N, C-alpha and C. Protein backbone atom coordinates (compact mmCIF):
# COMPACT_ATOMS: atom_id res chain seq x y z
N MET A 1 -5.32 -16.89 6.06
CA MET A 1 -4.44 -15.73 5.99
C MET A 1 -5.13 -14.59 5.26
N GLU A 2 -4.97 -13.41 5.81
CA GLU A 2 -5.49 -12.20 5.19
C GLU A 2 -4.54 -11.70 4.11
N ARG A 3 -5.10 -10.92 3.21
CA ARG A 3 -4.30 -10.20 2.23
C ARG A 3 -4.66 -8.72 2.28
N THR A 4 -3.69 -7.88 1.97
CA THR A 4 -3.93 -6.44 1.91
C THR A 4 -3.26 -5.87 0.68
N PHE A 5 -3.78 -4.73 0.25
CA PHE A 5 -3.21 -4.00 -0.87
C PHE A 5 -2.39 -2.83 -0.32
N ILE A 6 -1.17 -2.73 -0.77
CA ILE A 6 -0.27 -1.64 -0.40
C ILE A 6 0.27 -1.03 -1.69
N ALA A 7 0.27 0.30 -1.77
CA ALA A 7 0.84 0.98 -2.93
C ALA A 7 1.83 2.04 -2.45
N ILE A 8 3.03 1.96 -2.99
CA ILE A 8 4.00 3.03 -2.76
C ILE A 8 3.73 4.07 -3.83
N LYS A 9 3.30 5.23 -3.39
CA LYS A 9 2.85 6.29 -4.29
C LYS A 9 4.04 6.90 -5.04
N PRO A 10 3.74 7.71 -6.07
CA PRO A 10 4.82 8.29 -6.88
C PRO A 10 5.90 9.01 -6.08
N ASP A 11 5.54 9.68 -4.99
CA ASP A 11 6.57 10.37 -4.20
C ASP A 11 7.50 9.38 -3.50
N GLY A 12 6.96 8.26 -3.05
CA GLY A 12 7.80 7.23 -2.43
C GLY A 12 8.74 6.58 -3.43
N VAL A 13 8.25 6.38 -4.66
CA VAL A 13 9.09 5.83 -5.72
C VAL A 13 10.19 6.83 -6.07
N GLN A 14 9.82 8.10 -6.28
CA GLN A 14 10.80 9.14 -6.64
C GLN A 14 11.85 9.34 -5.56
N ARG A 15 11.48 9.11 -4.31
CA ARG A 15 12.42 9.29 -3.20
C ARG A 15 13.20 8.01 -2.88
N ASN A 16 13.08 7.00 -3.74
CA ASN A 16 13.84 5.75 -3.59
C ASN A 16 13.56 5.02 -2.27
N LEU A 17 12.28 4.98 -1.88
CA LEU A 17 11.90 4.33 -0.63
C LEU A 17 11.31 2.94 -0.84
N VAL A 18 11.27 2.46 -2.07
CA VAL A 18 10.64 1.16 -2.38
C VAL A 18 11.29 0.03 -1.58
N GLY A 19 12.60 -0.08 -1.65
CA GLY A 19 13.30 -1.15 -0.94
C GLY A 19 13.11 -1.08 0.56
N GLU A 20 13.18 0.12 1.12
CA GLU A 20 12.98 0.32 2.56
C GLU A 20 11.60 -0.16 2.99
N ILE A 21 10.58 0.21 2.22
CA ILE A 21 9.20 -0.15 2.58
C ILE A 21 8.99 -1.65 2.44
N ILE A 22 9.46 -2.24 1.35
CA ILE A 22 9.33 -3.69 1.19
C ILE A 22 10.06 -4.39 2.33
N GLY A 23 11.24 -3.90 2.68
CA GLY A 23 12.01 -4.49 3.77
C GLY A 23 11.27 -4.48 5.10
N ARG A 24 10.53 -3.43 5.37
CA ARG A 24 9.77 -3.35 6.62
C ARG A 24 8.68 -4.41 6.67
N PHE A 25 7.98 -4.61 5.55
CA PHE A 25 6.93 -5.63 5.52
C PHE A 25 7.52 -7.03 5.61
N GLU A 26 8.65 -7.24 4.94
CA GLU A 26 9.31 -8.55 5.02
C GLU A 26 9.83 -8.81 6.43
N ALA A 27 10.44 -7.81 7.05
CA ALA A 27 10.98 -7.98 8.40
C ALA A 27 9.88 -8.27 9.42
N LYS A 28 8.70 -7.74 9.17
CA LYS A 28 7.56 -8.01 10.05
C LYS A 28 7.11 -9.46 9.95
N GLY A 29 7.42 -10.10 8.82
CA GLY A 29 7.06 -11.50 8.63
C GLY A 29 5.94 -11.73 7.64
N PHE A 30 5.54 -10.68 6.92
CA PHE A 30 4.48 -10.83 5.93
C PHE A 30 5.06 -11.36 4.62
N THR A 31 4.18 -11.97 3.82
CA THR A 31 4.59 -12.61 2.57
C THR A 31 4.12 -11.79 1.39
N LEU A 32 5.04 -11.45 0.52
CA LEU A 32 4.72 -10.71 -0.71
C LEU A 32 4.18 -11.70 -1.73
N VAL A 33 2.93 -11.51 -2.16
CA VAL A 33 2.31 -12.43 -3.13
C VAL A 33 1.98 -11.76 -4.46
N GLY A 34 2.18 -10.44 -4.54
CA GLY A 34 1.95 -9.71 -5.79
C GLY A 34 2.73 -8.42 -5.79
N LEU A 35 3.35 -8.11 -6.93
CA LEU A 35 4.18 -6.91 -7.02
C LEU A 35 4.26 -6.46 -8.46
N LYS A 36 4.02 -5.17 -8.69
CA LYS A 36 4.23 -4.61 -10.03
C LYS A 36 4.39 -3.10 -9.94
N MET A 37 5.12 -2.57 -10.91
CA MET A 37 5.29 -1.12 -11.03
C MET A 37 4.49 -0.67 -12.23
N LEU A 38 3.73 0.40 -12.06
CA LEU A 38 2.93 0.91 -13.17
C LEU A 38 2.63 2.38 -12.97
N LYS A 39 2.27 3.02 -14.06
CA LYS A 39 1.74 4.38 -14.00
C LYS A 39 0.24 4.23 -14.22
N PRO A 40 -0.56 4.43 -13.16
CA PRO A 40 -2.00 4.18 -13.28
C PRO A 40 -2.69 5.09 -14.29
N SER A 41 -3.68 4.53 -14.95
CA SER A 41 -4.51 5.32 -15.86
C SER A 41 -5.45 6.21 -15.04
N GLN A 42 -5.98 7.20 -15.71
CA GLN A 42 -6.97 8.09 -15.09
C GLN A 42 -8.15 7.28 -14.57
N GLU A 43 -8.62 6.34 -15.39
CA GLU A 43 -9.77 5.52 -15.02
C GLU A 43 -9.49 4.67 -13.78
N LEU A 44 -8.32 4.04 -13.72
CA LEU A 44 -7.96 3.22 -12.56
C LEU A 44 -7.88 4.09 -11.31
N ALA A 45 -7.25 5.25 -11.41
CA ALA A 45 -7.12 6.15 -10.27
C ALA A 45 -8.49 6.64 -9.78
N GLU A 46 -9.36 7.01 -10.71
CA GLU A 46 -10.70 7.48 -10.33
C GLU A 46 -11.50 6.37 -9.66
N THR A 47 -11.37 5.15 -10.14
CA THR A 47 -12.06 4.02 -9.52
C THR A 47 -11.50 3.76 -8.12
N HIS A 48 -10.18 3.76 -8.01
CA HIS A 48 -9.54 3.52 -6.71
C HIS A 48 -9.99 4.54 -5.66
N TYR A 49 -10.02 5.80 -6.04
CA TYR A 49 -10.40 6.85 -5.11
C TYR A 49 -11.89 7.22 -5.20
N GLY A 50 -12.69 6.34 -5.76
CA GLY A 50 -14.12 6.60 -5.96
C GLY A 50 -14.88 7.03 -4.73
N VAL A 51 -14.49 6.54 -3.56
CA VAL A 51 -15.19 6.92 -2.32
C VAL A 51 -15.02 8.40 -2.01
N HIS A 52 -14.03 9.04 -2.62
CA HIS A 52 -13.77 10.47 -2.38
C HIS A 52 -14.27 11.35 -3.52
N LYS A 53 -15.04 10.77 -4.44
CA LYS A 53 -15.43 11.47 -5.67
C LYS A 53 -16.08 12.84 -5.41
N GLU A 54 -16.87 12.97 -4.39
CA GLU A 54 -17.57 14.22 -4.11
C GLU A 54 -16.78 15.19 -3.25
N ARG A 55 -15.58 14.81 -2.85
CA ARG A 55 -14.78 15.66 -1.97
C ARG A 55 -13.93 16.62 -2.81
N PRO A 56 -13.63 17.77 -2.24
CA PRO A 56 -12.90 18.79 -3.01
C PRO A 56 -11.49 18.37 -3.42
N PHE A 57 -10.89 17.44 -2.71
CA PHE A 57 -9.52 17.03 -3.02
C PHE A 57 -9.43 15.86 -4.00
N PHE A 58 -10.56 15.35 -4.48
CA PHE A 58 -10.58 14.19 -5.37
C PHE A 58 -9.72 14.39 -6.61
N LYS A 59 -9.88 15.52 -7.28
CA LYS A 59 -9.14 15.78 -8.52
C LYS A 59 -7.63 15.79 -8.25
N ASP A 60 -7.22 16.38 -7.14
CA ASP A 60 -5.80 16.41 -6.80
C ASP A 60 -5.26 15.02 -6.49
N LEU A 61 -6.05 14.19 -5.81
CA LEU A 61 -5.65 12.80 -5.53
C LEU A 61 -5.38 12.05 -6.82
N VAL A 62 -6.32 12.13 -7.73
CA VAL A 62 -6.21 11.43 -9.01
C VAL A 62 -5.02 11.95 -9.80
N SER A 63 -4.87 13.27 -9.84
CA SER A 63 -3.75 13.87 -10.56
C SER A 63 -2.41 13.42 -10.00
N PHE A 64 -2.30 13.38 -8.69
CA PHE A 64 -1.04 12.98 -8.07
C PHE A 64 -0.72 11.51 -8.32
N ILE A 65 -1.70 10.64 -8.12
CA ILE A 65 -1.43 9.20 -8.22
C ILE A 65 -1.12 8.79 -9.66
N THR A 66 -1.53 9.59 -10.64
CA THR A 66 -1.22 9.31 -12.04
C THR A 66 -0.01 10.09 -12.54
N SER A 67 0.65 10.83 -11.66
CA SER A 67 1.76 11.70 -12.07
C SER A 67 3.06 10.96 -12.34
N GLY A 68 3.16 9.73 -11.91
CA GLY A 68 4.38 8.96 -12.11
C GLY A 68 4.16 7.52 -11.73
N PRO A 69 5.21 6.72 -11.78
CA PRO A 69 5.03 5.31 -11.45
C PRO A 69 4.78 5.10 -9.97
N LEU A 70 4.03 4.05 -9.68
CA LEU A 70 3.85 3.60 -8.30
C LEU A 70 4.15 2.10 -8.25
N VAL A 71 4.32 1.59 -7.06
CA VAL A 71 4.56 0.17 -6.86
C VAL A 71 3.36 -0.40 -6.11
N ALA A 72 2.64 -1.29 -6.80
CA ALA A 72 1.45 -1.93 -6.23
C ALA A 72 1.85 -3.31 -5.71
N MET A 73 1.36 -3.62 -4.50
CA MET A 73 1.74 -4.88 -3.87
C MET A 73 0.56 -5.52 -3.16
N VAL A 74 0.63 -6.83 -3.05
CA VAL A 74 -0.30 -7.58 -2.22
C VAL A 74 0.54 -8.34 -1.20
N TRP A 75 0.23 -8.13 0.06
CA TRP A 75 0.92 -8.78 1.16
C TRP A 75 -0.05 -9.71 1.88
N GLU A 76 0.47 -10.80 2.39
CA GLU A 76 -0.34 -11.81 3.05
C GLU A 76 0.21 -12.08 4.44
N GLY A 77 -0.68 -12.33 5.38
CA GLY A 77 -0.26 -12.68 6.73
C GLY A 77 -1.41 -12.57 7.71
N ASP A 78 -1.19 -13.08 8.87
CA ASP A 78 -2.19 -13.03 9.93
C ASP A 78 -2.33 -11.59 10.41
N GLY A 79 -3.50 -11.00 10.26
CA GLY A 79 -3.74 -9.63 10.69
C GLY A 79 -3.02 -8.58 9.87
N VAL A 80 -2.69 -8.89 8.62
CA VAL A 80 -1.88 -7.99 7.80
C VAL A 80 -2.57 -6.66 7.51
N VAL A 81 -3.89 -6.61 7.44
CA VAL A 81 -4.56 -5.33 7.15
C VAL A 81 -4.34 -4.35 8.30
N ALA A 82 -4.67 -4.76 9.52
CA ALA A 82 -4.50 -3.88 10.68
C ALA A 82 -3.03 -3.58 10.94
N ALA A 83 -2.17 -4.58 10.85
CA ALA A 83 -0.75 -4.37 11.08
C ALA A 83 -0.16 -3.42 10.04
N GLY A 84 -0.58 -3.60 8.78
CA GLY A 84 -0.11 -2.72 7.72
C GLY A 84 -0.47 -1.27 8.00
N ARG A 85 -1.68 -1.04 8.46
CA ARG A 85 -2.11 0.33 8.77
C ARG A 85 -1.27 0.92 9.90
N LEU A 86 -0.96 0.11 10.91
CA LEU A 86 -0.12 0.59 12.01
C LEU A 86 1.29 0.91 11.51
N MET A 87 1.82 0.07 10.63
CA MET A 87 3.16 0.29 10.08
C MET A 87 3.21 1.56 9.22
N ILE A 88 2.11 1.84 8.51
CA ILE A 88 2.04 3.00 7.63
C ILE A 88 1.96 4.29 8.44
N GLY A 89 1.11 4.33 9.46
CA GLY A 89 0.93 5.52 10.27
C GLY A 89 -0.23 6.37 9.81
N ALA A 90 -0.44 7.46 10.51
CA ALA A 90 -1.57 8.36 10.24
C ALA A 90 -1.45 9.00 8.86
N THR A 91 -2.59 9.35 8.28
CA THR A 91 -2.64 9.95 6.95
C THR A 91 -1.77 11.19 6.86
N ASN A 92 -1.81 12.02 7.90
CA ASN A 92 -0.99 13.23 7.93
C ASN A 92 0.37 12.87 8.54
N PRO A 93 1.42 12.90 7.75
CA PRO A 93 2.74 12.53 8.26
C PRO A 93 3.19 13.35 9.47
N LEU A 94 2.70 14.58 9.60
CA LEU A 94 3.11 15.43 10.71
C LEU A 94 2.52 14.96 12.04
N THR A 95 1.46 14.15 11.99
CA THR A 95 0.89 13.60 13.22
C THR A 95 1.12 12.09 13.32
N SER A 96 1.89 11.56 12.41
CA SER A 96 2.18 10.13 12.39
C SER A 96 3.37 9.83 13.32
N ASN A 97 3.26 8.76 14.07
CA ASN A 97 4.30 8.43 15.06
C ASN A 97 5.63 8.08 14.41
N PRO A 98 6.73 8.48 15.05
CA PRO A 98 8.04 8.01 14.60
C PRO A 98 8.05 6.48 14.63
N GLY A 99 8.76 5.90 13.67
CA GLY A 99 8.78 4.45 13.56
C GLY A 99 7.80 3.94 12.52
N THR A 100 6.81 4.77 12.16
CA THR A 100 5.90 4.40 11.08
C THR A 100 6.50 4.90 9.77
N ILE A 101 6.03 4.37 8.67
CA ILE A 101 6.55 4.78 7.37
C ILE A 101 6.31 6.27 7.14
N ARG A 102 5.10 6.72 7.38
CA ARG A 102 4.82 8.15 7.18
C ARG A 102 5.50 9.01 8.24
N GLY A 103 5.59 8.52 9.46
CA GLY A 103 6.26 9.27 10.52
C GLY A 103 7.75 9.43 10.26
N ASP A 104 8.36 8.43 9.67
CA ASP A 104 9.80 8.49 9.40
C ASP A 104 10.14 9.22 8.11
N PHE A 105 9.27 9.14 7.10
CA PHE A 105 9.63 9.66 5.79
C PHE A 105 8.70 10.74 5.24
N GLY A 106 7.51 10.88 5.78
CA GLY A 106 6.53 11.82 5.22
C GLY A 106 6.74 13.24 5.70
N VAL A 107 6.34 14.19 4.87
CA VAL A 107 6.47 15.60 5.20
C VAL A 107 5.12 16.31 5.12
N SER A 108 4.30 15.97 4.12
CA SER A 108 3.02 16.65 3.96
C SER A 108 1.91 15.65 3.62
N ILE A 109 0.70 16.04 3.93
CA ILE A 109 -0.44 15.15 3.74
C ILE A 109 -0.67 14.83 2.26
N GLY A 110 -0.35 15.75 1.38
CA GLY A 110 -0.55 15.53 -0.05
C GLY A 110 0.52 14.67 -0.69
N ARG A 111 1.60 14.42 0.05
CA ARG A 111 2.71 13.58 -0.41
C ARG A 111 3.05 12.63 0.73
N ASN A 112 2.14 11.69 1.00
CA ASN A 112 2.31 10.86 2.19
C ASN A 112 2.83 9.44 1.90
N ILE A 113 3.45 9.25 0.77
CA ILE A 113 4.31 8.11 0.42
C ILE A 113 3.60 6.80 0.10
N ILE A 114 2.56 6.44 0.83
CA ILE A 114 2.06 5.07 0.76
C ILE A 114 0.55 5.01 0.98
N HIS A 115 -0.06 4.01 0.37
CA HIS A 115 -1.48 3.70 0.60
C HIS A 115 -1.57 2.28 1.12
N GLY A 116 -2.47 2.06 2.06
CA GLY A 116 -2.75 0.71 2.53
C GLY A 116 -4.24 0.54 2.77
N SER A 117 -4.76 -0.61 2.43
CA SER A 117 -6.18 -0.90 2.63
C SER A 117 -6.54 -0.69 4.09
N ASP A 118 -7.76 -0.15 4.33
CA ASP A 118 -8.18 0.15 5.69
C ASP A 118 -9.05 -0.91 6.34
N ALA A 119 -9.46 -1.92 5.59
CA ALA A 119 -10.29 -3.00 6.13
C ALA A 119 -10.15 -4.22 5.23
N VAL A 120 -10.50 -5.37 5.74
CA VAL A 120 -10.40 -6.61 4.96
C VAL A 120 -11.23 -6.51 3.69
N GLU A 121 -12.44 -5.98 3.79
CA GLU A 121 -13.31 -5.86 2.63
C GLU A 121 -12.73 -4.89 1.59
N THR A 122 -12.19 -3.79 2.06
CA THR A 122 -11.55 -2.83 1.16
C THR A 122 -10.36 -3.47 0.47
N ALA A 123 -9.58 -4.23 1.24
CA ALA A 123 -8.41 -4.92 0.67
C ALA A 123 -8.83 -5.84 -0.47
N GLN A 124 -9.89 -6.59 -0.26
CA GLN A 124 -10.35 -7.52 -1.29
C GLN A 124 -10.72 -6.78 -2.57
N SER A 125 -11.44 -5.67 -2.45
CA SER A 125 -11.84 -4.93 -3.65
C SER A 125 -10.66 -4.22 -4.30
N GLU A 126 -9.73 -3.69 -3.50
CA GLU A 126 -8.56 -3.03 -4.07
C GLU A 126 -7.64 -4.03 -4.76
N ILE A 127 -7.46 -5.19 -4.16
CA ILE A 127 -6.63 -6.22 -4.80
C ILE A 127 -7.24 -6.61 -6.14
N ALA A 128 -8.56 -6.81 -6.18
CA ALA A 128 -9.23 -7.18 -7.43
C ALA A 128 -9.15 -6.06 -8.47
N LEU A 129 -9.09 -4.82 -8.02
CA LEU A 129 -8.99 -3.68 -8.94
C LEU A 129 -7.59 -3.59 -9.56
N TRP A 130 -6.57 -3.81 -8.78
CA TRP A 130 -5.19 -3.59 -9.22
C TRP A 130 -4.50 -4.84 -9.78
N PHE A 131 -4.99 -6.02 -9.42
CA PHE A 131 -4.35 -7.27 -9.83
C PHE A 131 -5.38 -8.25 -10.37
N ASN A 132 -4.98 -9.07 -11.34
CA ASN A 132 -5.83 -10.20 -11.69
C ASN A 132 -5.22 -11.46 -11.06
N GLU A 133 -6.00 -12.49 -10.96
CA GLU A 133 -5.59 -13.71 -10.24
C GLU A 133 -4.25 -14.26 -10.71
N GLU A 134 -3.97 -14.17 -12.00
CA GLU A 134 -2.72 -14.71 -12.55
C GLU A 134 -1.49 -13.96 -12.04
N GLU A 135 -1.68 -12.75 -11.54
CA GLU A 135 -0.57 -11.95 -11.05
C GLU A 135 -0.23 -12.20 -9.58
N LEU A 136 -1.04 -13.02 -8.92
CA LEU A 136 -0.82 -13.31 -7.51
C LEU A 136 -0.27 -14.72 -7.36
N VAL A 137 0.72 -14.88 -6.50
CA VAL A 137 1.40 -16.15 -6.34
C VAL A 137 1.13 -16.71 -4.95
N ASP A 138 0.55 -17.91 -4.90
CA ASP A 138 0.37 -18.61 -3.63
C ASP A 138 1.63 -19.39 -3.33
N TRP A 139 2.28 -19.08 -2.22
CA TRP A 139 3.48 -19.79 -1.84
C TRP A 139 3.65 -19.72 -0.33
N THR A 140 4.46 -20.60 0.21
CA THR A 140 4.69 -20.65 1.64
C THR A 140 6.18 -20.48 1.92
N PRO A 141 6.56 -19.39 2.54
CA PRO A 141 7.96 -19.19 2.89
C PRO A 141 8.43 -20.23 3.91
N VAL A 142 9.70 -20.57 3.88
CA VAL A 142 10.23 -21.55 4.83
C VAL A 142 10.18 -21.04 6.27
N SER A 143 10.04 -19.72 6.45
CA SER A 143 9.97 -19.14 7.79
C SER A 143 8.60 -19.25 8.44
N THR A 144 7.59 -19.67 7.70
CA THR A 144 6.22 -19.71 8.22
C THR A 144 6.11 -20.44 9.57
N PRO A 145 6.72 -21.64 9.75
CA PRO A 145 6.58 -22.31 11.05
C PRO A 145 7.23 -21.53 12.21
N TRP A 146 8.14 -20.62 11.87
CA TRP A 146 8.78 -19.81 12.91
C TRP A 146 7.95 -18.58 13.25
N LEU A 147 6.96 -18.28 12.44
CA LEU A 147 6.12 -17.09 12.67
C LEU A 147 4.76 -17.42 13.25
N TYR A 148 4.20 -18.55 12.85
CA TYR A 148 2.83 -18.88 13.24
C TYR A 148 2.78 -20.22 13.97
N GLU A 149 1.97 -20.25 15.02
CA GLU A 149 1.77 -21.49 15.77
C GLU A 149 0.81 -22.41 15.06
């Protein structure tokens, strides 16, 4: 089973979308194995967005993600990284399809509600950055035989 890192950004938390977003991942059949609410430190935010360090919007990204609490999660399931990205939608909410999280709730690219890992390798490094092993729970939902062959 794959794991992915999903974060509901400060705008999603402020807009009371946490339950809606968790519900979408649960309804899809994915398993929540890690969950916490935190206000990220400057250092954590800079590390998370390190790939964008040389880009002009880096400072704004870091400033926004540290502006309030976010909800960090680890989800598990078959193909969860790719499926999560499809559920989230395009980075720009204005070009994101209806039915996606950003398409349904997003208004601007700078306030796009949610982050999701873009590849299995990225997910592994983001999970290790945001969670330690003791914060992740290995468990098997009773619905598993109804979801997977």
